[in-house]
Amino acid sequence: MNISSIVVQCKQENYETLKEVLETSKLCDYHFGDKETGKIIITIEGKDVEEDIAKLTAIQATPNVIAADMMQTYQEDQLDDEIKRLNEAGEVPSMLNDTTLAPQDIIYNGDLKKKF
């Protein structure tokens, strides 16, 4: 099961209507909102990522929604499957067990500052 939190943005004058639509939509659970800022906090649940994305897309297409963005997600079954796959993969990459490799010699490619 997946559970994801979503922040929905709307105009202040559309807040009450959108809140009611979301509460009765069966797509999500309403948790909190602020009419003055037009922000609504909801959660969605799905059996997998595809169902989460389908629900998010439906919410984004709802009239009066300016934006609906996923903030956090928890993927229970997929996390368990990934842990199982990693455990079955066996050997740890040799670089991680190399005691002669100095940490400062490891090149990290996730930092875009050094690429451009």
Protein backbone atom coordinates (compact mmCIF):
# COMPACT_ATOMS: atom_id res chain seq x y z
CA MET A 1 0.00 0.00 0.00
CA ASN A 2 1.13 3.54 -0.78
CA ILE A 3 0.18 6.65 1.15
CA SER A 4 1.06 10.08 -0.22
CA SER A 5 0.49 13.62 0.99
CA ILE A 6 -0.50 16.30 -1.49
CA VAL A 7 -0.70 20.07 -1.24
CA VAL A 8 -3.46 21.52 -3.40
CA GLN A 9 -3.48 25.22 -4.32
CA CYS A 10 -6.59 27.14 -5.38
CA LYS A 11 -7.90 30.69 -5.39
CA GLN A 12 -9.37 31.89 -2.12
CA GLU A 13 -12.83 32.33 -3.68
CA ASN A 14 -12.84 28.68 -4.87
CA TYR A 15 -11.65 27.18 -1.59
CA GLU A 16 -14.99 26.02 -0.12
CA THR A 17 -16.22 24.53 -3.40
CA LEU A 18 -12.95 22.69 -4.04
CA LYS A 19 -12.77 21.46 -0.44
CA GLU A 20 -16.24 19.93 -0.79
CA VAL A 21 -15.39 18.36 -4.16
CA LEU A 22 -12.23 16.78 -2.74
CA GLU A 23 -13.98 15.55 0.42
CA THR A 24 -16.67 13.77 -1.61
CA SER A 25 -14.45 12.60 -4.49
CA LYS A 26 -13.35 9.25 -2.97
CA LEU A 27 -9.91 10.05 -4.40
CA CYS A 28 -8.44 11.40 -1.20
CA ASP A 29 -8.84 12.25 2.47
CA TYR A 30 -9.02 15.93 3.44
CA HIS A 31 -6.92 16.85 6.49
CA PHE A 32 -6.40 20.58 6.69
CA GLY A 33 -6.84 23.75 4.71
CA ASP A 34 -6.36 27.50 4.86
CA LYS A 35 -8.91 29.50 2.95
CA GLU A 36 -6.82 32.70 3.08
CA THR A 37 -3.89 31.10 1.25
CA GLY A 38 -5.99 28.67 -0.80
CA LYS A 39 -3.95 25.68 0.38
CA ILE A 40 -5.49 22.28 1.09
CA ILE A 41 -3.66 19.27 2.54
CA ILE A 42 -4.91 15.84 1.48
CA THR A 43 -3.64 12.27 1.39
CA ILE A 44 -4.19 9.58 -1.20
CA GLU A 45 -3.83 5.83 -0.85
CA GLY A 46 -3.19 3.28 -3.55
CA LYS A 47 -2.07 -0.26 -4.06
CA ASP A 48 0.97 0.91 -6.08
CA VAL A 49 2.67 3.93 -7.63
CA GLU A 50 0.50 3.74 -10.73
CA GLU A 51 -2.69 4.13 -8.67
CA ASP A 52 -1.15 7.03 -6.73
CA ILE A 53 -0.22 8.80 -9.96
CA ALA A 54 -3.68 8.19 -11.44
CA LYS A 55 -5.31 9.75 -8.37
CA LEU A 56 -2.89 12.68 -8.36
CA THR A 57 -3.55 13.30 -12.06
CA ALA A 58 -7.31 13.23 -11.45
CA ILE A 59 -6.94 15.74 -8.60
CA GLN A 60 -4.76 17.99 -10.78
CA ALA A 61 -7.50 17.94 -13.46
CA THR A 62 -10.22 18.92 -10.97
CA PRO A 63 -11.83 22.29 -11.74
CA ASN A 64 -10.44 25.16 -9.61
CA VAL A 65 -7.16 23.34 -8.84
CA ILE A 66 -4.23 25.60 -9.69
CA ALA A 67 -1.64 23.04 -8.60
CA ALA A 68 -1.55 19.72 -6.76
CA ASP A 69 1.88 18.43 -5.83
CA MET A 70 2.93 15.28 -4.01
CA MET A 71 5.02 16.19 -0.98
CA GLN A 72 5.79 12.84 0.62
CA THR A 73 5.03 9.24 -0.19
CA TYR A 74 5.35 5.94 1.64
CA GLN A 75 5.47 2.80 -0.47
CA GLU A 76 5.14 -0.13 1.89
CA ASP A 77 5.04 -3.12 -0.47
CA GLN A 78 7.45 -1.74 -3.03
CA LEU A 79 9.93 -0.91 -0.28
CA ASP A 80 9.71 -4.49 1.03
CA ASP A 81 10.18 -5.85 -2.51
CA GLU A 82 13.22 -3.63 -3.07
CA ILE A 83 14.80 -4.67 0.25
CA LYS A 84 14.23 -8.32 -0.68
CA ARG A 85 15.81 -7.76 -4.11
CA LEU A 86 18.85 -6.08 -2.55
CA ASN A 87 19.25 -8.86 0.00
CA GLU A 88 19.09 -11.47 -2.76
CA ALA A 89 21.59 -9.56 -4.91
CA GLY A 90 24.37 -10.99 -2.84
CA GLU A 91 27.79 -9.46 -2.86
CA VAL A 92 28.46 -5.91 -1.78
CA PRO A 93 30.36 -3.96 -4.47
CA SER A 94 34.08 -4.48 -3.91
CA MET A 95 34.72 -0.72 -3.68
CA LEU A 96 32.70 -0.58 -0.46
CA ASN A 97 34.94 -3.18 1.17
CA ASP A 98 38.22 -1.70 -0.09
CA THR A 99 40.03 -0.44 3.03
CA THR A 100 42.86 1.01 0.91
CA LEU A 101 40.56 3.45 -0.89
CA ALA A 102 40.71 6.92 0.67
CA PRO A 103 37.31 8.64 0.97
CA GLN A 104 38.68 11.81 -0.67
CA ASP A 105 39.54 9.74 -3.78
CA ILE A 106 35.93 8.71 -4.34
CA ILE A 107 34.35 10.71 -7.15
CA TYR A 108 30.73 11.57 -6.45
CA ASN A 109 28.75 12.36 -9.60
CA GLY A 110 25.55 13.52 -7.90
CA ASP A 111 26.82 17.07 -7.40
CA LEU A 112 25.90 19.25 -10.39
CA LYS A 113 28.06 22.14 -9.19
CA LYS A 114 31.21 20.38 -10.32
CA LYS A 115 29.76 19.27 -13.66
CA PHE A 116 28.86 22.69 -15.06
